[in-house]
Amino acid sequence: MTIPLLPVILCGGSGTRLWPLSREAFTKQFLRLSTQGSMLQQTLQRLAGIDTVSPALLVCNESSRFIVAEQVREIGLENSRMLLEPMRRNTAPAIASAALHAMENGEDPLLLVLPSDHVILDTPAFHRAIALGRTAAEAGHLLTFGITPTGPETGYGYIRVEGEPAGQVQRVVEFVEKPASALAEQYINSGDYFWNSGMFLFRASRYLEELERFQPAVLVACRAAISAAKSDLDFICLDKDAYAASPDIAVDYAVMERTSHASTIVLDAGWNDVGSWKAVLDVEEKDADNNSANGDVLIQDCNDCLVHSTSRLVTAIGMRNTVIVETADAVVVMDADQAQQTKTMVAQLVPRERPEATMHREVFRPWGSYDSIGNGERFQVKRITVKPDAKLSLQMHHHRAEHWIVVSGTAQITNGDKEYLLTETVHLYPLGVVHSLANPGKLPLELIEIQSGSYLGEDDIVRFEDRYGRA
C-alpha cells in the first residue's frame, strides 16, 4: 500500500535578498516575477500529477497569513491548510510542527518539504525524482534533493555523496557550508558534490525520531505549541509562548547533518532558489543582448542587465552587468556580481528605523490593500482597494478623522448608527465615530482616504467587530 504524500510548503523568510521588491511584510515567494503567478502559486501548481498527494499544508507567519490565503484562493486550492507560526524559529521547528499536526489523527504520511520560493523549470523531472525517492523514504531514509551544479556557486551549501551512481538514491556523507570560490571549483571537478536544495522527503515519524535524538528541546516546544494550538477561520495558530521556547535552528543543523540516515536524490530539473537579483536574471526571458526588462522600461546599448520598474518609467543607457530595481518608495542600482549584498544594505536601514526595510508603500490586508500615496504634517492620503464581498472592521479612532472619496464601485458605509451606500464621487466624514466600510459589489471598490489629525499611526484603531479575527 502506497503511503500518502503530504506536501509541506514553507512560506517564511525575511525578504532581504530581493529587496526592494521583496520585504519582510511581502517576501519573495509572493512576488509575481512572471506571468505564471507568484513563486508560491507555482510551487503549489507543480504538485499536480504526483501520485497519492494530499492537499498541501502551508506553514507561514501570522503576519502573512492573509496574503498566503488570497494567493491560494486565486489558483483554486482552497482545501489547503495553513499552520501559523507566531514568530520565526527557522525550518526545524516549522517542519516539526507540520509533522506533529500531520500525525494527530494517527496517520504517518511522507512529508514532501518544499520552500515556497524556488523555481523548477522541468516539472516532469521533479515528479520522477519524488517517485524515485518514495521507496527509500518509506523505508526510513531522510532524503534531500541534491541539485546538479552548473558552476562553482558560492551562495549554496553542498552535499557530498557516495555509493550508487547519479539517478539512484545515494548516501550523504557530508554537508558543506557555502564554500569559497576555489573550494567550490574543487567540488565541481570531483563530481561527488551537489547543491543542497533545501527540499526534503521523509516519514513524519522518522523526522521526529531523529529530532528527538539530536534536538529534543525543539520537539518539546513544538509538541506544546501544537497541543495548545487554536483554530481561527481556516488557520491553525500555534501557541505563542510554547513556540517561543523552541531553539531557532535550521533543519540541516538540527537533523540532516547529524543523522546517519541522510540520503539524496539528484535532481536535474532547471532548479533555482532565486536567491538574488542575478538569479532572477538567470531565469527570466531576455533579449538578444541578455537584458531582462520588466515594467515601464526603456533600454539602450545595454548588456547583461536586469531593469525592473513598478511605478514609473525607468531608462538605462550604456550599462553592463547591472541590476536596477524601482519601487514606489525605493530604488536599488548595483553591479549584478554584488547582488548578494542586498542583505547588507537592508541591515543598514533597520537601525535607522526606515520603513522601506520591512514595509511596502502598498500594504495588504485580508479585505484588500491600501497605498499611502501622500503624507505631510497632520495629514495622510491613501488609495484603498476593497475586494468584492470584503469588509473592513467596525472601528473608531481617537486622534484622526477620515474623509472618503469613492473612485469606482459602491461602498456600504456604517457611520455611527447610520448605514447607507455610497457611489462614485460621494464624500463621507466619519469624525471620531464608530464606522466601517464594505464592498457589496462584484468588482473591486476603489476609494481615496484623506486622514487628518494629531496622530495617524496604524495603531490608532479600536476594533469592535472584525470578520478576520484581528484584535
Protein backbone atom coordinates (compact mmCIF):
# COMPACT_ATOMS: atom_id res chain seq x y z
CA MET A 1 0.00 0.00 0.00
CA THR A 2 1.39 3.40 -1.02
CA ILE A 3 1.80 5.80 1.88
CA PRO A 4 0.09 9.17 1.26
CA LEU A 5 2.34 12.12 0.47
CA LEU A 6 1.73 15.39 2.33
CA PRO A 7 3.38 18.47 0.80
CA VAL A 8 4.60 20.86 3.49
CA ILE A 9 5.17 24.30 1.97
CA LEU A 10 7.43 26.62 3.96
CA CYS A 11 6.29 30.22 3.45
CA GLY A 12 8.54 32.14 5.86
CA GLY A 13 11.51 34.38 5.09
CA SER A 14 12.87 37.83 5.81
CA GLY A 15 12.57 39.30 2.31
CA THR A 16 16.03 40.87 2.09
CA ARG A 17 17.61 39.11 -0.90
CA LEU A 18 15.27 40.62 -3.50
CA TRP A 19 14.90 44.00 -1.79
CA PRO A 20 13.35 46.47 -2.53
CA LEU A 21 10.67 44.44 -4.32
CA SER A 22 10.70 41.81 -1.56
CA ARG A 23 10.41 42.95 2.06
CA GLU A 24 9.64 41.39 5.41
CA ALA A 25 5.92 42.15 5.06
CA PHE A 26 5.82 40.84 1.46
CA THR A 27 8.59 38.32 0.86
CA LYS A 28 9.85 36.97 -2.43
CA GLN A 29 7.56 33.92 -2.68
CA PHE A 30 4.60 36.29 -3.08
CA LEU A 31 6.18 38.27 -5.92
CA ARG A 32 4.81 37.86 -9.44
CA LEU A 33 8.05 37.89 -11.38
CA SER A 34 6.45 36.11 -14.35
CA THR A 35 3.07 35.61 -15.98
CA GLN A 36 2.81 32.15 -14.34
CA GLY A 37 1.90 33.70 -10.98
CA SER A 38 3.89 34.04 -7.78
CA MET A 39 6.56 31.52 -6.79
CA LEU A 40 4.23 30.26 -4.04
CA GLN A 41 1.48 29.64 -6.57
CA GLN A 42 3.89 27.90 -8.94
CA THR A 43 5.14 25.69 -6.08
CA LEU A 44 1.58 24.56 -5.36
CA GLN A 45 0.66 24.07 -9.01
CA ARG A 46 3.81 21.96 -9.51
CA LEU A 47 2.30 19.30 -7.23
CA ALA A 48 -0.46 18.41 -9.69
CA GLY A 49 0.08 14.91 -11.09
CA ILE A 50 2.03 13.44 -8.16
CA ASP A 51 0.61 10.08 -7.08
CA THR A 52 -1.47 9.95 -3.84
CA VAL A 53 -0.69 13.53 -2.88
CA SER A 54 -2.79 15.16 -0.14
CA PRO A 55 -3.82 18.84 -0.05
CA ALA A 56 -0.80 20.90 0.95
CA LEU A 57 -0.07 22.11 4.46
CA LEU A 58 1.37 25.63 4.33
CA VAL A 59 3.50 26.89 7.23
CA CYS A 60 3.54 30.67 7.30
CA ASN A 61 3.96 33.66 9.60
CA GLU A 62 0.89 35.13 11.24
CA SER A 63 1.73 38.45 9.59
CA SER A 64 1.46 36.98 6.07
CA ARG A 65 -1.46 34.61 6.55
CA PHE A 66 -3.98 36.62 4.54
CA ILE A 67 -1.55 37.09 1.65
CA VAL A 68 -1.00 33.31 1.58
CA ALA A 69 -4.73 32.62 1.79
CA GLU A 70 -5.51 35.01 -1.06
CA GLN A 71 -2.82 33.58 -3.35
CA VAL A 72 -4.01 30.03 -2.64
CA ARG A 73 -7.61 31.08 -3.33
CA GLU A 74 -6.62 32.68 -6.65
CA ILE A 75 -5.46 29.31 -8.03
CA GLY A 76 -8.46 27.40 -6.70
CA LEU A 77 -6.74 25.39 -3.94
CA GLU A 78 -8.96 26.42 -1.06
CA ASN A 79 -8.74 22.96 0.58
CA SER A 80 -5.11 23.60 1.57
CA ARG A 81 -4.47 24.01 5.29
CA MET A 82 -2.39 26.72 6.96
CA LEU A 83 -0.26 26.39 10.09
CA LEU A 84 0.65 29.76 11.59
CA GLU A 85 3.96 30.48 13.32
CA PRO A 86 3.63 33.30 15.89
CA MET A 87 7.31 34.13 15.37
CA ARG A 88 10.21 32.84 13.27
CA ARG A 89 12.03 29.83 14.66
CA ASN A 90 13.66 28.58 11.43
CA THR A 91 12.95 25.40 9.48
CA ALA A 92 13.50 22.65 12.08
CA PRO A 93 10.61 23.78 14.35
CA ALA A 94 8.42 24.64 11.35
CA ILE A 95 8.79 21.10 9.94
CA ALA A 96 8.38 19.54 13.39
CA SER A 97 5.09 21.38 13.91
CA ALA A 98 3.88 20.23 10.50
CA ALA A 99 4.86 16.62 11.27
CA LEU A 100 3.08 16.66 14.64
CA HIS A 101 -0.04 18.13 13.08
CA ALA A 102 0.05 15.53 10.30
CA MET A 103 0.16 12.70 12.85
CA GLU A 104 -2.65 13.97 15.10
CA ASN A 105 -5.22 11.58 13.61
CA GLY A 106 -2.99 8.52 13.86
CA GLU A 107 -1.55 8.87 10.35
CA ASP A 108 2.14 8.84 9.43
CA PRO A 109 2.46 10.33 5.95
CA LEU A 110 5.52 11.05 3.89
CA LEU A 111 6.33 14.73 4.16
CA LEU A 112 7.50 16.46 0.98
CA VAL A 113 9.04 19.62 2.41
CA LEU A 114 9.33 22.42 -0.14
CA PRO A 115 10.38 26.05 0.20
CA SER A 116 7.79 28.24 -1.50
CA ASP A 117 10.29 30.49 -3.27
CA HIS A 118 12.09 28.18 -5.73
CA VAL A 119 11.83 27.89 -9.48
CA ILE A 120 11.79 24.44 -11.13
CA LEU A 121 11.53 24.54 -14.91
CA ASP A 122 11.22 20.79 -15.59
CA THR A 123 8.18 19.60 -13.61
CA PRO A 124 8.21 16.02 -15.02
CA ALA A 125 11.82 15.58 -13.86
CA PHE A 126 10.78 16.85 -10.43
CA HIS A 127 7.96 14.29 -10.29
CA ARG A 128 10.31 11.48 -11.34
CA ALA A 129 12.73 12.35 -8.54
CA ILE A 130 9.90 12.23 -5.98
CA ALA A 131 8.71 8.87 -7.29
CA LEU A 132 12.26 7.51 -7.10
CA GLY A 133 12.71 8.66 -3.53
CA ARG A 134 9.41 7.43 -2.08
CA THR A 135 10.53 3.83 -1.50
CA ALA A 136 13.64 4.95 0.37
CA ALA A 137 11.65 7.46 2.44
CA GLU A 138 9.06 4.81 3.29
CA ALA A 139 11.92 2.58 4.50
CA GLY A 140 13.14 5.25 6.93
CA HIS A 141 15.65 7.31 4.95
CA LEU A 142 15.67 11.09 5.33
CA LEU A 143 16.07 12.34 1.79
CA THR A 144 17.21 15.67 0.47
CA PHE A 145 17.24 16.64 -3.19
CA GLY A 146 20.72 17.38 -4.48
CA ILE A 147 20.94 19.74 -7.44
CA THR A 148 23.32 19.02 -10.30
CA PRO A 149 25.71 22.02 -10.18
CA THR A 150 26.02 24.22 -13.23
CA GLY A 151 29.09 26.02 -11.90
CA PRO A 152 31.17 26.76 -8.77
CA GLU A 153 28.40 28.66 -6.97
CA THR A 154 29.47 30.12 -3.61
CA GLY A 155 25.97 31.05 -2.48
CA TYR A 156 24.78 27.46 -1.89
CA GLY A 157 25.60 24.74 0.58
CA TYR A 158 26.89 21.46 -0.89
CA ILE A 159 26.22 17.76 -0.29
CA ARG A 160 28.93 15.11 -0.73
CA VAL A 161 27.63 11.70 -1.73
CA GLU A 162 28.94 8.21 -2.30
CA GLY A 163 27.62 4.84 -3.43
CA GLU A 164 25.13 4.44 -6.24
CA PRO A 165 25.58 6.46 -9.43
CA ALA A 166 23.54 9.58 -10.11
CA GLY A 167 19.94 8.70 -10.89
CA GLN A 168 19.65 6.48 -7.81
CA VAL A 169 19.23 7.11 -4.11
CA GLN A 170 22.72 7.99 -2.82
CA ARG A 171 24.08 8.13 0.72
CA VAL A 172 25.04 11.56 2.01
CA VAL A 173 28.41 11.53 3.76
CA GLU A 174 28.88 15.26 4.33
CA PHE A 175 27.04 18.58 4.30
CA VAL A 176 29.29 21.53 3.50
CA GLU A 177 28.64 25.20 4.20
CA LYS A 178 28.86 27.80 1.43
CA PRO A 179 32.45 27.45 0.18
CA ALA A 180 34.92 29.97 -1.18
CA SER A 181 35.25 30.09 -4.95
CA ALA A 182 38.41 27.93 -5.22
CA LEU A 183 36.92 25.24 -2.98
CA ALA A 184 33.64 25.28 -4.90
CA GLU A 185 35.65 24.71 -8.07
CA GLN A 186 37.26 21.62 -6.49
CA TYR A 187 33.83 20.30 -5.51
CA ILE A 188 32.54 20.64 -9.04
CA ASN A 189 35.58 18.94 -10.53
CA SER A 190 35.35 15.96 -8.16
CA GLY A 191 31.84 15.00 -9.29
CA ASP A 192 30.94 13.95 -5.73
CA TYR A 193 29.19 17.14 -4.68
CA PHE A 194 25.74 18.57 -5.36
CA TRP A 195 23.99 21.75 -4.31
CA ASN A 196 21.82 21.45 -1.22
CA SER A 197 18.31 22.44 -2.40
CA GLY A 198 16.59 22.67 0.99
CA MET A 199 13.86 20.26 -0.22
CA PHE A 200 13.25 17.06 1.75
CA LEU A 201 11.26 13.82 1.73
CA PHE A 202 10.78 11.62 4.83
CA ARG A 203 8.21 9.94 7.05
CA ALA A 204 6.77 12.31 9.64
CA SER A 205 7.62 9.87 12.44
CA ARG A 206 11.21 9.35 11.25
CA TYR A 207 11.90 13.08 11.25
CA LEU A 208 10.50 13.42 14.77
CA GLU A 209 12.57 10.44 15.98
CA GLU A 210 15.80 11.98 14.71
CA LEU A 211 14.81 15.41 16.02
CA GLU A 212 14.19 13.95 19.48
CA ARG A 213 17.62 12.34 19.34
CA PHE A 214 19.57 15.44 18.32
CA GLN A 215 17.44 18.45 19.30
CA PRO A 216 14.90 17.34 21.92
CA ALA A 217 14.19 20.93 23.04
CA VAL A 218 12.73 21.69 19.61
CA LEU A 219 10.37 18.73 19.80
CA VAL A 220 9.24 19.54 23.36
CA ALA A 221 8.39 23.12 22.39
CA CYS A 222 6.59 22.12 19.20
CA ARG A 223 4.55 19.45 20.97
CA ALA A 224 3.39 22.06 23.46
CA ALA A 225 2.66 24.57 20.68
CA ILE A 226 0.57 22.02 18.76
CA SER A 227 -1.21 20.83 21.91
CA ALA A 228 -2.30 24.39 22.75
CA ALA A 229 -2.94 25.45 19.13
CA LYS A 230 -6.21 27.18 18.28
CA SER A 231 -8.24 27.24 15.08
CA ASP A 232 -9.01 30.66 13.60
CA LEU A 233 -11.07 30.64 10.39
CA ASP A 234 -9.02 28.41 8.04
CA PHE A 235 -5.84 28.74 10.10
CA ILE A 236 -4.24 26.63 12.84
CA CYS A 237 -2.47 29.01 15.23
CA LEU A 238 0.48 27.59 17.17
CA ASP A 239 0.64 28.64 20.80
CA LYS A 240 2.90 31.69 21.06
CA ASP A 241 4.54 31.08 24.43
CA ALA A 242 5.20 27.41 23.74
CA TYR A 243 6.63 28.03 20.27
CA ALA A 244 8.85 30.83 21.55
CA ALA A 245 10.62 28.28 23.77
CA SER A 246 11.95 26.37 20.74
CA PRO A 247 15.57 26.90 19.70
CA ASP A 248 15.92 28.87 16.47
CA ILE A 249 17.62 26.30 14.25
CA ALA A 250 17.57 25.11 10.63
CA VAL A 251 16.68 21.53 9.76
CA ASP A 252 20.13 20.97 8.23
CA TYR A 253 21.89 21.78 11.51
CA ALA A 254 19.28 20.13 13.73
CA VAL A 255 18.95 16.80 11.91
CA MET A 256 20.27 16.34 8.39
CA GLU A 257 23.96 16.99 9.15
CA ARG A 258 23.87 14.67 12.19
CA THR A 259 21.71 11.71 11.20
CA SER A 260 23.25 8.57 9.76
CA HIS A 261 20.16 8.05 7.60
CA ALA A 262 20.57 11.02 5.24
CA SER A 263 20.29 10.20 1.54
CA THR A 264 19.82 12.23 -1.58
CA ILE A 265 18.15 12.08 -4.96
CA VAL A 266 19.97 14.01 -7.66
CA LEU A 267 17.61 16.49 -9.31
CA ASP A 268 18.38 17.99 -12.69
CA ALA A 269 15.22 19.97 -13.36
CA GLY A 270 16.15 23.59 -14.00
CA TRP A 271 16.15 24.39 -10.26
CA ASN A 272 16.90 27.90 -8.99
CA ASP A 273 16.31 29.22 -5.48
CA VAL A 274 16.09 32.78 -6.87
CA GLY A 275 18.38 33.91 -4.09
CA SER A 276 19.46 37.21 -5.66
CA TRP A 277 18.59 39.59 -8.45
CA LYS A 278 21.31 37.97 -10.55
CA ALA A 279 19.43 34.67 -10.14
CA VAL A 280 16.25 36.41 -11.31
CA LEU A 281 18.14 37.49 -14.44
CA ASP A 282 19.10 33.85 -14.99
CA VAL A 283 15.50 32.59 -15.03
CA GLU A 284 13.69 35.46 -16.76
CA GLU A 285 13.23 35.91 -20.50
CA LYS A 286 15.97 38.05 -22.05
CA ASP A 287 16.54 39.97 -25.25
CA ALA A 288 19.37 39.44 -27.76
CA ASP A 289 21.77 41.39 -25.51
CA ASN A 290 20.92 39.27 -22.46
CA ASN A 291 18.85 42.02 -20.85
CA SER A 292 15.67 41.43 -18.85
CA ALA A 293 13.14 44.28 -18.72
CA ASN A 294 10.01 44.24 -16.59
CA GLY A 295 7.52 47.09 -16.33
CA ASP A 296 7.75 50.55 -17.93
CA VAL A 297 11.38 50.19 -19.02
CA LEU A 298 13.43 51.53 -21.95
CA ILE A 299 16.93 50.11 -22.53
CA GLN A 300 19.56 51.48 -24.91
CA ASP A 301 23.02 49.99 -25.57
CA CYS A 302 22.98 47.72 -22.51
CA ASN A 303 24.23 44.16 -21.99
CA ASP A 304 23.58 41.59 -19.25
CA CYS A 305 21.27 43.90 -17.31
CA LEU A 306 18.08 43.48 -15.33
CA VAL A 307 15.79 46.51 -15.14
CA HIS A 308 12.56 46.22 -13.15
CA SER A 309 10.05 49.05 -12.78
CA THR A 310 6.84 49.02 -10.74
CA SER A 311 5.55 52.62 -10.71
CA ARG A 312 7.27 54.83 -13.29
CA LEU A 313 9.39 54.93 -16.43
CA VAL A 314 12.94 53.67 -15.86
CA THR A 315 15.57 54.12 -18.59
CA ALA A 316 19.05 52.62 -18.81
CA ILE A 317 21.80 53.70 -21.24
CA GLY A 318 25.18 52.05 -21.77
CA MET A 319 25.02 49.81 -18.72
CA ARG A 320 26.85 46.50 -18.35
CA ASN A 321 26.10 43.68 -15.88
CA THR A 322 23.83 45.96 -13.85
CA VAL A 323 20.67 45.46 -11.80
CA ILE A 324 18.19 48.34 -11.48
CA VAL A 325 15.01 47.76 -9.45
CA GLU A 326 12.48 50.54 -8.85
CA THR A 327 9.51 50.55 -6.48
CA ALA A 328 7.24 53.39 -5.41
CA ASP A 329 9.48 54.29 -2.45
CA ALA A 330 12.96 52.86 -3.14
CA VAL A 331 15.43 52.23 -5.98
CA VAL A 332 18.47 49.95 -5.99
CA VAL A 333 21.27 50.12 -8.59
CA MET A 334 24.11 47.61 -8.35
CA ASP A 335 26.65 45.52 -10.17
CA ALA A 336 24.99 42.14 -10.78
CA ASP A 337 28.02 40.40 -9.22
CA GLN A 338 27.24 42.23 -5.95
CA ALA A 339 23.62 41.09 -5.88
CA GLN A 340 24.12 39.07 -2.68
CA GLN A 341 24.91 42.31 -0.84
CA THR A 342 21.31 43.50 -0.66
CA LYS A 343 21.14 41.90 2.80
CA THR A 344 23.92 44.22 3.94
CA MET A 345 22.10 47.24 2.59
CA VAL A 346 18.83 46.31 4.29
CA ALA A 347 20.75 45.73 7.54
CA GLN A 348 21.85 49.38 7.39
CA LEU A 349 18.25 50.55 7.03
CA VAL A 350 16.90 48.66 10.07
CA PRO A 351 18.75 50.60 12.85
CA ARG A 352 17.73 53.82 11.09
CA GLU A 353 14.10 52.67 11.51
CA ARG A 354 13.47 53.19 7.81
CA PRO A 355 10.06 51.67 6.93
CA GLU A 356 11.42 50.75 3.50
CA ALA A 357 13.40 47.96 5.18
CA THR A 358 10.29 45.98 6.06
CA MET A 359 7.14 47.51 4.55
CA HIS A 360 6.00 48.42 1.07
CA ARG A 361 4.10 51.62 0.46
CA GLU A 362 1.22 49.34 -0.55
CA VAL A 363 0.13 47.24 2.44
CA PHE A 364 -2.02 44.12 2.06
CA ARG A 365 -4.90 43.32 4.37
CA PRO A 366 -7.42 40.44 4.37
CA TRP A 367 -10.03 42.76 2.85
CA GLY A 368 -7.75 44.22 0.14
CA SER A 369 -4.92 46.76 0.31
CA TYR A 370 -4.01 50.40 0.82
CA ASP A 371 -1.31 52.53 -0.78
CA SER A 372 -0.01 55.60 1.06
CA ILE A 373 0.23 57.95 -1.89
CA GLY A 374 0.99 61.15 0.05
CA ASN A 375 1.63 62.48 3.54
CA GLY A 376 2.69 65.53 5.48
CA GLU A 377 2.31 67.15 8.88
CA ARG A 378 -1.12 66.15 10.30
CA PHE A 379 -2.37 64.52 7.07
CA GLN A 380 -2.04 61.33 5.03
CA VAL A 381 -3.62 60.26 1.74
CA LYS A 382 -4.28 56.60 0.92
CA ARG A 383 -5.69 54.80 -2.07
CA ILE A 384 -7.81 51.92 -0.74
CA THR A 385 -8.90 48.83 -2.66
CA VAL A 386 -11.58 46.61 -1.13
CA LYS A 387 -12.16 43.15 -2.63
CA PRO A 388 -15.69 42.08 -3.60
CA ASP A 389 -17.74 40.92 -0.59
CA ALA A 390 -14.99 42.08 1.79
CA LYS A 391 -15.39 44.33 4.81
CA LEU A 392 -13.12 46.45 6.98
CA SER A 393 -13.53 46.11 10.74
CA LEU A 394 -16.07 48.14 12.70
CA GLN A 395 -13.73 50.63 14.35
CA MET A 396 -13.04 54.10 15.66
CA HIS A 397 -10.00 56.38 16.01
CA HIS A 398 -9.07 58.63 18.90
CA HIS A 399 -6.78 61.01 17.03
CA ARG A 400 -7.84 61.28 13.40
CA ALA A 401 -10.76 61.97 11.11
CA GLU A 402 -11.17 60.32 7.70
CA HIS A 403 -12.61 61.72 4.50
CA TRP A 404 -13.56 59.06 1.94
CA ILE A 405 -14.00 59.66 -1.79
CA VAL A 406 -15.33 56.73 -3.81
CA VAL A 407 -13.49 56.49 -7.15
CA SER A 408 -15.17 53.37 -8.55
CA GLY A 409 -17.60 50.79 -7.26
CA THR A 410 -20.14 51.00 -4.44
CA ALA A 411 -19.32 51.29 -0.75
CA GLN A 412 -21.59 50.11 2.05
CA ILE A 413 -20.98 52.51 4.93
CA THR A 414 -21.58 52.24 8.65
CA ASN A 415 -21.23 55.68 10.27
CA GLY A 416 -22.35 55.73 13.87
CA ASP A 417 -25.93 54.47 13.94
CA LYS A 418 -26.47 55.08 10.20
CA GLU A 419 -25.93 52.70 7.28
CA TYR A 420 -26.07 53.65 3.61
CA LEU A 421 -24.49 53.14 0.19
CA LEU A 422 -22.02 55.49 -1.46
CA THR A 423 -21.20 55.58 -5.15
CA GLU A 424 -18.62 57.47 -7.19
CA THR A 425 -17.57 60.98 -6.09
CA VAL A 426 -19.67 60.94 -2.89
CA HIS A 427 -17.85 62.13 0.25
CA LEU A 428 -18.03 60.98 3.85
CA TYR A 429 -16.57 62.35 7.08
CA PRO A 430 -16.52 59.79 9.93
CA LEU A 431 -15.25 62.20 12.59
CA GLY A 432 -14.21 60.05 15.54
CA VAL A 433 -17.32 57.90 15.44
CA VAL A 434 -17.68 54.13 15.09
CA HIS A 435 -17.55 53.34 11.38
CA SER A 436 -16.99 50.60 8.84
CA LEU A 437 -16.65 50.11 5.12
CA ALA A 438 -17.67 47.14 2.97
CA ASN A 439 -17.83 46.27 -0.71
CA PRO A 440 -21.20 44.65 -1.51
CA GLY A 441 -20.47 44.53 -5.24
CA LYS A 442 -18.83 42.04 -7.59
CA LEU A 443 -16.00 44.36 -8.67
CA PRO A 444 -13.19 45.88 -6.55
CA LEU A 445 -14.08 49.06 -4.69
CA GLU A 446 -11.57 51.89 -5.14
CA LEU A 447 -11.56 54.97 -2.93
CA ILE A 448 -9.31 57.76 -1.69
CA GLU A 449 -8.98 58.24 2.06
CA ILE A 450 -7.71 61.53 3.45
CA GLN A 451 -6.70 61.32 7.10
CA SER A 452 -6.19 64.38 9.26
CA GLY A 453 -5.35 64.68 12.91
CA SER A 454 -2.67 64.81 15.58
CA TYR A 455 -1.62 61.16 15.16
CA LEU A 456 -2.01 58.99 12.05
CA GLY A 457 -0.40 55.68 13.05
CA GLU A 458 -2.00 52.32 12.28
CA ASP A 459 -2.16 51.53 16.00
CA ASP A 460 -4.84 54.21 16.49
CA ILE A 461 -7.58 51.69 15.68
CA VAL A 462 -10.11 50.44 18.21
CA ARG A 463 -11.86 47.41 16.70
CA PHE A 464 -15.34 46.44 17.86
CA GLU A 465 -16.04 43.76 15.27
CA ASP A 466 -13.83 42.05 12.71
CA ARG A 467 -14.70 39.07 10.48
CA TYR A 468 -10.98 38.22 10.12
CA GLY A 469 -10.36 37.61 13.81
CA ARG A 470 -7.97 40.54 14.36
CA ALA A 471 -7.74 42.09 17.81
